[in-house]
Amino acid sequence: MKIIILGAGQVGSSVAESLVSEANDITMVDVDPKRLALLQDRFDLRTVVGNASHPSVLVNAGAPDADMVLAVTEHDETNLVACKLAATLFNTPTKIARIRSTEYLAHPEIFSTDNFCVDFAISPEQILTEYIEKLVEFPEALQVLDFASGKVSLVAVRALKGGSLVGQQLQQLRKHVPNVDTRVAAIFRQDRPIIPEGDTVIEAEDEVFFIAAAEDIRTVMRELRKMDRPVEHVMIAGGGRIGKRLAMTLEKDYQVRIIERDYQTCERLAGELSNTLVLHGDATDEDLLDDENIAEMDLFCALTNDEENNIMAALLAKRMGAHKVIALINRRAYVDLVQGSRIDIAISPAQVTIGSLLAYVRHGDVAAVHSLRRGAAEALELVAHGDARSSKVVGRKIEEVKLPKGATIGAIVRGLPRSGAFFGENPAFGLETELPESSHAVRVIIAHHDTVIESEDHVILFVINRKMIREVEKLFQVSVGFL
């Protein structure tokens, strides 16, 4: 696939890294030649220096015969204009825009073919907010990801000494939770992936990925570790786009405080937030944290634009007694360095966002993609089409599907509507929408060796190595003769 990526920032660079490794023809466009030079040194891609909203620059980037334009610059207006130009001048099949401003997102008609011709709009800030909100809801989890419009969840937890399953074989899981069907999709032990088998023994400090119906998540968690106390008090460092969105989301149900060093921003936040205490100061100020009873905080989220500041604030908050700390960190090397240390969870914005983009680039009918373990692994939701003659998966038991070693089918969701009216991407955010109440026929089937895949099933897979993705996608593509 020939793809033009507009913007070589954190999001654009992460997307380029993922797509180049999958044998796509990538061209990067940015106004900063130094950024492009660094990318060209690392990856096999083409670069063009220039403004992404100029027709001549798009022509130089190969827009006349491109399959997709990903407009992910830091400026919404540039992204919108680039998509409009790609549609009007070059008839580009797929146009995706990164949109940050809620002013645009509040009016989805802006993205229609009569206006800016954006096929899919993604809001990284909204995606990050919802990602963190899940971690607040499930404080024991390292990662909580939804599939099939929230019907199924994939959860990563760290198995702690004292959990009833620690030191036991996986086949004991059914005895511990006899009324809940679940499956362990993968285990990472000291960063080494382990393919789960019935006789695999869970050890303390293992990172365990399990999949279950959304309503069964807490029950399974209790078997792997002692439950944390519920979150009541939250402190947020940074009143930018993400910090403000998170405060707005949480203030209805939690006691929220937000620390911001810019006085004018504090004044604006105080006017926009109805039930959040806004504090003017520095989140690395030990006296301020002490005055605001940091030791009573169930969760401290460092969400400023300065990743070094986030790391230091999170470490300080943890040392002063905050129960759990989260830090927003852009550089992958930093994320790998601090994750699981004194900082409970390090979040890479680019890795959280990238799944929403990859879902449109993958081959076959891909409903959702989630990046796992800072991009090392991946979880996909693919829709099976065809019949036993035209498909390599439909009509076959899971044990008969020739998956590459390291790929695991975790669950199947059957009965989801085929049309995009209720399932699929919300054009304003690039996120899945909720299914209507009338969808009572939807079934969540946890995968076992004798489970048979049917046409139109949504199949949720865990892949421990992204190099296997193309092979998995080929399995779900129907033969040319299928109508």
Protein backbone atom coordinates (compact mmCIF):
# COMPACT_ATOMS: atom_id res chain seq x y z
CA MET A 1 0.00 0.00 0.00
CA LYS A 2 1.28 3.47 -0.88
CA ILE A 3 0.79 5.73 2.15
CA ILE A 4 1.66 9.39 2.69
CA ILE A 5 2.11 10.45 6.31
CA LEU A 6 1.84 14.18 6.91
CA GLY A 7 3.64 15.16 10.10
CA ALA A 8 6.80 13.60 11.52
CA GLY A 9 6.02 14.15 15.19
CA GLN A 10 5.55 11.43 17.80
CA VAL A 11 2.35 10.04 16.26
CA GLY A 12 3.59 10.21 12.66
CA SER A 13 6.96 8.66 13.52
CA SER A 14 5.37 5.78 15.45
CA VAL A 15 2.93 5.07 12.63
CA ALA A 16 5.76 5.14 10.10
CA GLU A 17 7.79 2.67 12.15
CA SER A 18 4.86 0.25 12.28
CA LEU A 19 3.90 0.54 8.64
CA VAL A 20 7.43 0.36 7.19
CA SER A 21 7.96 -2.98 8.93
CA GLU A 22 4.90 -4.31 7.09
CA ALA A 23 6.31 -3.66 3.61
CA ASN A 24 4.28 -0.55 2.83
CA ASP A 25 5.56 2.23 0.55
CA ILE A 26 5.80 5.18 2.95
CA THR A 27 6.46 8.86 2.24
CA MET A 28 6.83 11.29 5.16
CA VAL A 29 6.12 15.02 4.83
CA ASP A 30 7.16 17.63 7.40
CA VAL A 31 8.37 21.22 7.53
CA ASP A 32 11.36 20.22 9.69
CA PRO A 33 14.18 18.66 7.61
CA LYS A 34 16.03 17.51 10.75
CA ARG A 35 13.08 15.37 11.84
CA LEU A 36 12.88 13.81 8.40
CA ALA A 37 16.62 13.15 8.25
CA LEU A 38 16.46 11.24 11.54
CA LEU A 39 13.58 9.11 10.27
CA GLN A 40 15.30 8.42 6.95
CA ASP A 41 18.38 7.22 8.81
CA ARG A 42 16.28 4.75 10.80
CA PHE A 43 13.71 3.51 8.28
CA ASP A 44 13.35 2.63 4.63
CA LEU A 45 11.06 5.47 3.59
CA ARG A 46 10.96 8.54 1.38
CA THR A 47 10.80 12.09 2.78
CA VAL A 48 9.56 15.41 1.43
CA VAL A 49 10.21 18.76 3.14
CA GLY A 50 7.33 21.22 2.95
CA ASN A 51 3.94 22.35 4.17
CA ALA A 52 1.47 19.45 4.05
CA SER A 53 -1.39 21.74 3.01
CA HIS A 54 0.33 22.90 -0.20
CA PRO A 55 -0.71 21.08 -3.41
CA SER A 56 2.82 21.13 -4.83
CA VAL A 57 4.16 19.40 -1.72
CA LEU A 58 1.48 16.71 -1.96
CA VAL A 59 2.35 16.18 -5.62
CA ASN A 60 6.04 15.75 -4.72
CA ALA A 61 5.00 13.23 -2.06
CA GLY A 62 3.21 11.12 -4.66
CA ALA A 63 -0.40 12.00 -3.84
CA PRO A 64 -1.69 11.40 -7.41
CA ASP A 65 -1.29 7.63 -6.99
CA ALA A 66 -1.39 7.24 -3.18
CA ASP A 67 -3.78 4.77 -1.54
CA MET A 68 -3.99 6.65 1.75
CA VAL A 69 -3.17 10.00 3.32
CA LEU A 70 -2.61 10.13 7.09
CA ALA A 71 -2.69 13.78 8.14
CA VAL A 72 -1.27 13.76 11.66
CA THR A 73 0.50 17.13 11.91
CA GLU A 74 0.11 19.15 15.10
CA HIS A 75 -2.27 21.59 13.39
CA ASP A 76 -5.91 20.62 12.80
CA GLU A 77 -6.33 23.13 10.01
CA THR A 78 -3.37 21.72 8.07
CA ASN A 79 -4.77 18.20 8.44
CA LEU A 80 -8.24 19.23 7.28
CA VAL A 81 -6.98 21.14 4.24
CA ALA A 82 -4.63 18.29 3.28
CA CYS A 83 -7.52 15.80 3.29
CA LYS A 84 -9.66 18.16 1.21
CA LEU A 85 -6.86 18.60 -1.34
CA ALA A 86 -6.20 14.85 -1.47
CA ALA A 87 -9.86 14.23 -2.28
CA THR A 88 -10.40 17.14 -4.69
CA LEU A 89 -7.15 17.10 -6.65
CA PHE A 90 -6.03 13.47 -6.43
CA ASN A 91 -9.12 11.42 -5.52
CA THR A 92 -7.17 9.61 -2.79
CA PRO A 93 -9.25 6.61 -1.62
CA THR A 94 -8.68 6.99 2.16
CA LYS A 95 -8.08 10.20 4.11
CA ILE A 96 -7.47 10.15 7.87
CA ALA A 97 -7.03 13.30 9.95
CA ARG A 98 -5.77 13.87 13.46
CA ILE A 99 -8.09 16.39 15.14
CA ARG A 100 -7.29 17.88 18.53
CA SER A 101 -9.81 20.69 18.95
CA THR A 102 -13.18 19.82 20.50
CA GLU A 103 -14.61 22.71 18.45
CA TYR A 104 -14.21 20.61 15.31
CA LEU A 105 -15.07 17.30 16.94
CA ALA A 106 -18.36 18.70 18.19
CA HIS A 107 -19.49 19.15 14.57
CA PRO A 108 -18.90 15.86 12.70
CA GLU A 109 -20.56 17.26 9.57
CA ILE A 110 -17.30 19.16 9.01
CA PHE A 111 -15.67 15.89 7.97
CA SER A 112 -18.26 14.90 5.34
CA THR A 113 -17.55 14.58 1.61
CA ASP A 114 -19.34 17.90 1.08
CA ASN A 115 -16.82 19.65 3.31
CA PHE A 116 -13.30 18.50 4.23
CA CYS A 117 -13.63 14.92 2.91
CA VAL A 118 -12.17 13.23 6.00
CA ASP A 119 -13.00 9.52 5.98
CA PHE A 120 -11.88 8.97 9.57
CA ALA A 121 -11.02 11.56 12.22
CA ILE A 122 -9.04 10.50 15.27
CA SER A 123 -8.57 12.46 18.48
CA PRO A 124 -5.44 11.26 20.33
CA GLU A 125 -6.42 13.26 23.40
CA GLN A 126 -9.84 11.61 23.55
CA ILE A 127 -8.33 8.15 23.02
CA LEU A 128 -5.81 8.76 25.82
CA THR A 129 -8.51 10.05 28.15
CA GLU A 130 -10.62 6.93 27.66
CA TYR A 131 -7.52 4.74 28.07
CA ILE A 132 -6.67 6.33 31.44
CA GLU A 133 -10.33 6.27 32.50
CA LYS A 134 -10.25 2.46 32.18
CA LEU A 135 -7.18 2.33 34.42
CA VAL A 136 -9.06 4.38 37.01
CA GLU A 137 -12.01 2.00 36.81
CA PHE A 138 -9.72 -1.05 37.14
CA PRO A 139 -6.82 0.12 39.36
CA GLU A 140 -5.29 -3.39 39.44
CA ALA A 141 -4.78 -3.44 35.66
CA LEU A 142 -1.77 -2.41 33.59
CA GLN A 143 -3.88 -2.16 30.46
CA VAL A 144 -7.60 -2.54 29.69
CA LEU A 145 -8.71 -2.78 26.06
CA ASP A 146 -12.22 -3.15 24.70
CA PHE A 147 -13.35 -5.09 21.64
CA ALA A 148 -16.67 -5.63 19.88
CA SER A 149 -18.16 -2.36 21.13
CA GLY A 150 -17.30 -3.09 24.74
CA LYS A 151 -18.64 -6.64 24.85
CA VAL A 152 -15.17 -8.18 25.38
CA SER A 153 -12.14 -6.90 27.30
CA LEU A 154 -8.47 -7.83 27.14
CA VAL A 155 -6.77 -7.01 30.42
CA ALA A 156 -3.11 -7.07 31.46
CA VAL A 157 -2.38 -7.53 35.18
CA ARG A 158 0.77 -8.22 37.15
CA ALA A 159 0.34 -11.44 39.11
CA LEU A 160 1.23 -10.75 42.73
CA LYS A 161 2.24 -13.10 45.48
CA GLY A 162 -0.91 -14.01 47.37
CA GLY A 163 -3.12 -14.40 44.31
CA SER A 164 -4.91 -17.76 44.41
CA LEU A 165 -3.64 -18.76 40.94
CA VAL A 166 0.01 -17.78 41.48
CA GLY A 167 2.09 -20.96 41.61
CA GLN A 168 -0.63 -23.02 39.96
CA GLN A 169 -1.22 -24.31 36.45
CA LEU A 170 -3.52 -22.43 34.10
CA GLN A 171 -5.84 -25.40 33.86
CA GLN A 172 -6.81 -24.67 37.48
CA LEU A 173 -8.38 -21.39 36.41
CA ARG A 174 -11.71 -23.01 35.56
CA LYS A 175 -11.88 -24.62 39.01
CA HIS A 176 -11.32 -21.26 40.70
CA VAL A 177 -13.93 -19.43 38.62
CA PRO A 178 -16.35 -22.20 37.57
CA ASN A 179 -19.08 -19.81 36.46
CA VAL A 180 -16.86 -17.58 34.31
CA ASP A 181 -15.37 -18.49 30.95
CA THR A 182 -12.02 -16.82 30.35
CA ARG A 183 -8.75 -17.46 28.55
CA VAL A 184 -5.18 -16.41 29.20
CA ALA A 185 -3.97 -15.06 25.87
CA ALA A 186 -0.31 -14.55 26.78
CA ILE A 187 2.15 -14.30 29.64
CA PHE A 188 5.25 -12.13 29.73
CA ARG A 189 7.90 -13.12 32.25
CA GLN A 190 10.80 -10.69 32.59
CA ASP A 191 9.87 -9.30 29.15
CA ARG A 192 10.00 -12.79 27.62
CA PRO A 193 6.76 -14.04 26.01
CA ILE A 194 5.40 -17.42 27.11
CA ILE A 195 2.80 -19.25 25.05
CA PRO A 196 0.14 -20.30 27.59
CA GLU A 197 -0.64 -24.01 27.82
CA GLY A 198 -2.77 -25.91 30.31
CA ASP A 199 0.28 -26.88 32.38
CA THR A 200 1.85 -23.39 32.33
CA VAL A 201 2.46 -22.19 35.89
CA ILE A 202 1.80 -18.54 36.72
CA GLU A 203 4.60 -16.98 38.75
CA ALA A 204 4.61 -13.84 40.89
CA GLU A 205 5.44 -10.70 38.85
CA ASP A 206 4.26 -12.31 35.59
CA GLU A 207 2.43 -9.93 33.26
CA VAL A 208 -0.72 -11.88 32.39
CA PHE A 209 -3.02 -10.98 29.51
CA PHE A 210 -6.46 -12.53 29.82
CA ILE A 211 -9.64 -12.10 27.84
CA ALA A 212 -13.22 -12.35 29.07
CA ALA A 213 -16.66 -10.85 28.67
CA ALA A 214 -16.56 -7.31 30.02
CA GLU A 215 -18.83 -8.11 32.98
CA ASP A 216 -16.51 -10.93 34.14
CA ILE A 217 -13.26 -8.95 34.30
CA ARG A 218 -13.22 -8.25 38.02
CA THR A 219 -13.98 -11.86 38.92
CA VAL A 220 -10.96 -13.11 36.98
CA MET A 221 -8.71 -10.37 38.36
CA ARG A 222 -9.34 -11.54 41.93
CA GLU A 223 -7.79 -14.91 41.10
CA LEU A 224 -4.54 -13.37 39.87
CA ARG A 225 -3.94 -10.78 42.56
CA LYS A 226 -5.37 -9.11 45.61
CA MET A 227 -7.77 -6.34 44.64
CA ASP A 228 -6.63 -2.76 45.12
CA ARG A 229 -8.76 -0.30 47.04
CA PRO A 230 -11.24 1.56 44.82
CA VAL A 231 -10.08 4.91 43.46
CA GLU A 232 -11.71 7.90 45.15
CA HIS A 233 -9.08 10.68 45.19
CA VAL A 234 -7.27 11.61 41.95
CA MET A 235 -4.58 14.25 41.43
CA ILE A 236 -3.66 15.34 37.91
CA ALA A 237 -0.44 17.18 37.06
CA GLY A 238 -0.93 19.29 33.95
CA GLY A 239 -3.98 21.20 32.77
CA GLY A 240 -3.41 20.81 29.04
CA ARG A 241 -5.76 19.08 26.61
CA ILE A 242 -5.39 15.63 28.15
CA GLY A 243 -5.39 16.78 31.78
CA LYS A 244 -8.48 18.91 31.26
CA ARG A 245 -10.36 16.16 29.40
CA LEU A 246 -9.54 13.63 32.10
CA ALA A 247 -10.64 15.98 34.87
CA MET A 248 -13.92 16.66 33.06
CA THR A 249 -14.50 12.93 32.68
CA LEU A 250 -13.64 11.97 36.26
CA GLU A 251 -15.04 14.86 38.30
CA LYS A 252 -18.57 13.44 38.23
CA ASP A 253 -17.56 10.31 40.16
CA TYR A 254 -14.24 11.08 41.88
CA GLN A 255 -12.65 13.80 43.98
CA VAL A 256 -10.25 15.43 41.52
CA ARG A 257 -7.46 17.97 41.95
CA ILE A 258 -5.44 19.38 39.08
CA ILE A 259 -2.08 21.17 39.35
CA GLU A 260 -1.09 23.63 36.60
CA ARG A 261 1.93 25.95 36.61
CA ASP A 262 0.51 28.55 34.18
CA TYR A 263 -1.75 31.02 36.03
CA GLN A 264 -3.89 31.95 33.01
CA THR A 265 -4.52 28.30 32.27
CA CYS A 266 -5.57 27.82 35.90
CA GLU A 267 -8.12 30.62 35.57
CA ARG A 268 -9.52 29.06 32.42
CA LEU A 269 -9.68 25.60 33.99
CA ALA A 270 -11.47 26.97 37.05
CA GLY A 271 -14.16 28.34 34.75
CA GLU A 272 -14.52 25.17 32.67
CA LEU A 273 -14.38 22.53 35.42
CA SER A 274 -17.37 22.38 37.73
CA ASN A 275 -16.26 19.97 40.47
CA THR A 276 -12.44 19.94 40.31
CA LEU A 277 -10.06 21.79 42.64
CA VAL A 278 -7.63 23.75 40.46
CA LEU A 279 -4.21 24.43 42.04
CA HIS A 280 -1.60 26.87 40.71
CA GLY A 281 1.88 25.46 41.15
CA ASP A 282 4.52 22.96 40.11
CA ALA A 283 3.79 19.23 40.45
CA THR A 284 7.43 18.66 41.41
CA ASP A 285 7.08 21.03 44.37
CA GLU A 286 7.39 18.78 47.42
CA ASP A 287 5.81 21.34 49.76
CA LEU A 288 2.78 21.76 47.49
CA LEU A 289 2.23 18.00 47.25
CA ASP A 290 2.53 17.70 51.00
CA ASP A 291 0.07 20.55 51.60
CA GLU A 292 -2.42 18.87 49.26
CA ASN A 293 -2.18 15.54 51.09
CA ILE A 294 -0.51 13.57 48.33
CA ALA A 295 -0.33 10.54 50.63
CA GLU A 296 -4.13 10.32 50.52
CA MET A 297 -4.27 10.16 46.71
CA ASP A 298 -5.37 6.84 45.26
CA LEU A 299 -4.06 7.87 41.85
CA PHE A 300 -1.58 10.51 40.65
CA CYS A 301 -1.47 11.20 36.89
CA ALA A 302 1.46 13.21 35.47
CA LEU A 303 0.13 14.48 32.14
CA THR A 304 2.14 17.60 31.30
CA ASN A 305 3.85 18.19 27.93
CA ASP A 306 7.27 17.70 29.56
CA GLU A 307 8.06 13.99 29.89
CA GLU A 308 11.05 14.53 32.20
CA ASN A 309 8.81 16.60 34.45
CA ASN A 310 6.20 13.83 34.37
CA ILE A 311 8.75 11.23 35.41
CA MET A 312 10.05 13.34 38.28
CA ALA A 313 6.57 14.34 39.48
CA ALA A 314 5.38 10.72 39.42
CA LEU A 315 8.47 9.47 41.28
CA LEU A 316 8.09 12.21 43.89
CA ALA A 317 4.38 11.53 44.34
CA LYS A 318 5.05 7.81 44.79
CA ARG A 319 7.80 8.46 47.34
CA MET A 320 5.48 10.75 49.28
CA GLY A 321 2.77 8.11 49.55
CA ALA A 322 0.51 8.24 46.47
CA HIS A 323 -0.95 4.75 46.09
CA LYS A 324 -0.57 4.49 42.30
CA VAL A 325 1.15 6.79 39.80
CA ILE A 326 0.86 7.13 36.04
CA ALA A 327 3.24 9.12 33.82
CA LEU A 328 2.76 10.23 30.23
CA ILE A 329 6.04 9.66 28.36
CA ASN A 330 6.74 10.15 24.65
CA ARG A 331 10.12 8.48 24.20
CA ARG A 332 9.85 4.72 23.98
CA ALA A 333 13.26 4.25 25.61
CA TYR A 334 12.02 6.15 28.66
CA VAL A 335 8.80 4.14 28.78
CA ASP A 336 10.69 0.83 28.78
CA LEU A 337 13.08 2.19 31.41
CA VAL A 338 10.53 3.31 34.01
CA GLN A 339 7.59 0.93 33.43
CA GLY A 340 7.18 -1.32 36.45
CA SER A 341 9.70 0.56 38.57
CA ARG A 342 8.52 3.12 41.11
CA ILE A 343 6.20 4.39 38.39
CA ASP A 344 3.30 1.95 38.17
CA ILE A 345 2.28 2.68 34.57
CA ALA A 346 4.14 4.61 31.87
CA ILE A 347 1.91 5.56 28.95
CA SER A 348 3.21 6.30 25.47
CA PRO A 349 0.65 8.57 23.72
CA ALA A 350 1.77 7.47 20.28
CA GLN A 351 1.44 3.75 21.11
CA VAL A 352 -2.03 4.23 22.61
CA THR A 353 -3.16 6.18 19.55
CA ILE A 354 -1.58 4.06 16.87
CA GLY A 355 -4.15 1.27 17.05
CA SER A 356 -6.88 3.59 15.81
CA LEU A 357 -4.78 4.30 12.72
CA LEU A 358 -3.64 0.74 12.08
CA ALA A 359 -7.21 -0.53 11.90
CA TYR A 360 -7.60 1.35 8.59
CA VAL A 361 -4.30 0.16 7.14
CA ARG A 362 -4.52 -3.56 7.86
CA HIS A 363 -5.49 -5.98 5.12
CA GLY A 364 -8.81 -7.79 5.44
CA ASP A 365 -11.79 -6.67 7.50
CA VAL A 366 -10.18 -5.33 10.69
CA ALA A 367 -12.59 -3.86 13.24
CA ALA A 368 -10.02 -2.89 15.88
CA VAL A 369 -6.28 -2.91 16.59
CA HIS A 370 -4.58 -2.31 19.92
CA SER A 371 -0.85 -1.94 20.43
CA LEU A 372 0.45 -3.87 23.46
CA ARG A 373 3.63 -3.72 25.50
CA ARG A 374 4.80 -0.48 23.90
CA GLY A 375 4.30 -1.82 20.38
CA ALA A 376 6.01 -5.20 20.76
CA ALA A 377 2.74 -7.15 20.61
CA GLU A 378 -0.68 -6.52 19.17
CA ALA A 379 -4.31 -7.48 19.63
CA LEU A 380 -6.67 -7.49 16.66
CA GLU A 381 -10.36 -7.89 16.04
CA LEU A 382 -10.89 -9.39 12.58
CA VAL A 383 -14.20 -10.23 10.93
CA ALA A 384 -14.41 -13.66 9.29
CA HIS A 385 -16.10 -13.72 5.88
CA GLY A 386 -16.92 -16.37 3.29
CA ASP A 387 -17.56 -20.06 3.73
CA ALA A 388 -15.57 -23.26 4.18
CA ARG A 389 -14.46 -23.20 0.52
CA SER A 390 -13.44 -19.55 0.23
CA SER A 391 -12.05 -18.98 3.73
CA LYS A 392 -9.20 -20.55 5.68
CA VAL A 393 -10.97 -19.99 9.01
CA VAL A 394 -14.76 -20.17 8.48
CA GLY A 395 -16.27 -23.57 9.26
CA ARG A 396 -13.10 -24.73 11.01
CA LYS A 397 -12.35 -25.53 14.61
CA ILE A 398 -9.76 -23.26 16.18
CA GLU A 399 -7.34 -26.17 16.51
CA GLU A 400 -7.59 -26.56 12.70
CA VAL A 401 -6.73 -22.93 11.91
CA LYS A 402 -3.07 -22.69 10.91
CA LEU A 403 -2.08 -19.77 13.09
CA PRO A 404 1.61 -18.82 13.33
CA LYS A 405 3.25 -19.82 16.59
CA GLY A 406 2.68 -17.04 19.06
CA ALA A 407 -0.74 -16.02 17.74
CA THR A 408 -3.69 -16.93 19.95
CA ILE A 409 -7.42 -16.67 19.33
CA GLY A 410 -8.90 -15.46 22.59
CA ALA A 411 -12.58 -14.93 21.92
CA ILE A 412 -15.30 -14.79 19.28
CA VAL A 413 -18.21 -12.35 19.26
CA ARG A 414 -21.18 -13.62 17.27
CA GLY A 415 -24.27 -11.73 16.18
CA LEU A 416 -22.92 -8.20 15.85
CA PRO A 417 -24.80 -6.11 13.25
CA ARG A 418 -23.17 -6.17 9.83
CA SER A 419 -24.00 -2.59 8.95
CA GLY A 420 -21.98 0.32 10.28
CA ALA A 421 -25.04 1.94 11.85
CA PHE A 422 -24.26 0.65 15.31
CA PHE A 423 -20.87 -0.99 15.04
CA GLY A 424 -17.78 0.69 13.72
CA GLU A 425 -16.02 3.98 13.87
CA ASN A 426 -17.52 7.15 15.18
CA PRO A 427 -16.51 9.68 12.51
CA ALA A 428 -15.85 12.31 15.15
CA PHE A 429 -13.35 10.31 17.18
CA GLY A 430 -12.34 7.15 15.33
CA LEU A 431 -13.66 5.12 18.26
CA GLU A 432 -16.12 2.30 18.48
CA THR A 433 -19.68 3.11 19.49
CA GLU A 434 -21.94 1.26 21.87
CA LEU A 435 -24.31 -1.39 20.60
CA PRO A 436 -28.05 -0.69 21.03
CA GLU A 437 -30.01 -2.37 23.80
CA SER A 438 -31.87 -4.46 21.24
CA SER A 439 -28.70 -6.35 20.35
CA HIS A 440 -29.49 -9.09 22.90
CA ALA A 441 -28.58 -11.82 20.39
CA VAL A 442 -24.89 -10.89 20.55
CA ARG A 443 -22.88 -13.77 22.07
CA VAL A 444 -19.41 -13.70 23.59
CA ILE A 445 -17.68 -17.06 23.08
CA ILE A 446 -14.35 -17.62 24.81
CA ALA A 447 -12.25 -19.62 22.37
CA HIS A 448 -11.43 -23.29 23.00
CA HIS A 449 -9.73 -25.80 20.73
CA ASP A 450 -13.06 -27.18 19.42
CA THR A 451 -14.81 -23.82 18.92
CA VAL A 452 -15.95 -23.46 15.30
CA ILE A 453 -15.62 -20.08 13.58
CA GLU A 454 -18.67 -18.96 11.61
CA SER A 455 -19.04 -16.37 8.87
CA GLU A 456 -19.35 -12.80 10.21
CA ASP A 457 -17.84 -13.75 13.57
CA HIS A 458 -15.62 -11.08 15.14
CA VAL A 459 -12.46 -12.97 16.08
CA ILE A 460 -10.15 -11.45 18.69
CA LEU A 461 -6.51 -12.48 18.44
CA PHE A 462 -3.40 -11.82 20.47
CA VAL A 463 -0.08 -11.73 18.59
CA ILE A 464 3.11 -11.71 20.68
CA ASN A 465 5.25 -10.50 17.76
CA ARG A 466 4.07 -7.93 15.23
CA LYS A 467 6.03 -9.68 12.47
CA MET A 468 3.25 -12.29 12.41
CA ILE A 469 0.52 -9.77 11.57
CA ARG A 470 0.64 -10.17 7.81
CA GLU A 471 0.42 -13.96 8.07
CA VAL A 472 -2.60 -13.69 10.38
CA GLU A 473 -4.33 -11.24 8.04
CA LYS A 474 -3.88 -13.58 5.09
CA LEU A 475 -5.77 -16.30 6.95
CA PHE A 476 -8.84 -14.05 7.16
CA GLN A 477 -8.85 -12.95 3.52
CA VAL A 478 -11.38 -14.73 1.34
CA SER A 479 -10.44 -16.25 -2.01
CA VAL A 480 -10.86 -14.20 -5.19
CA GLY A 481 -13.91 -16.18 -6.30
CA PHE A 482 -15.98 -15.32 -3.21
CA LEU A 483 -18.94 -12.97 -3.83
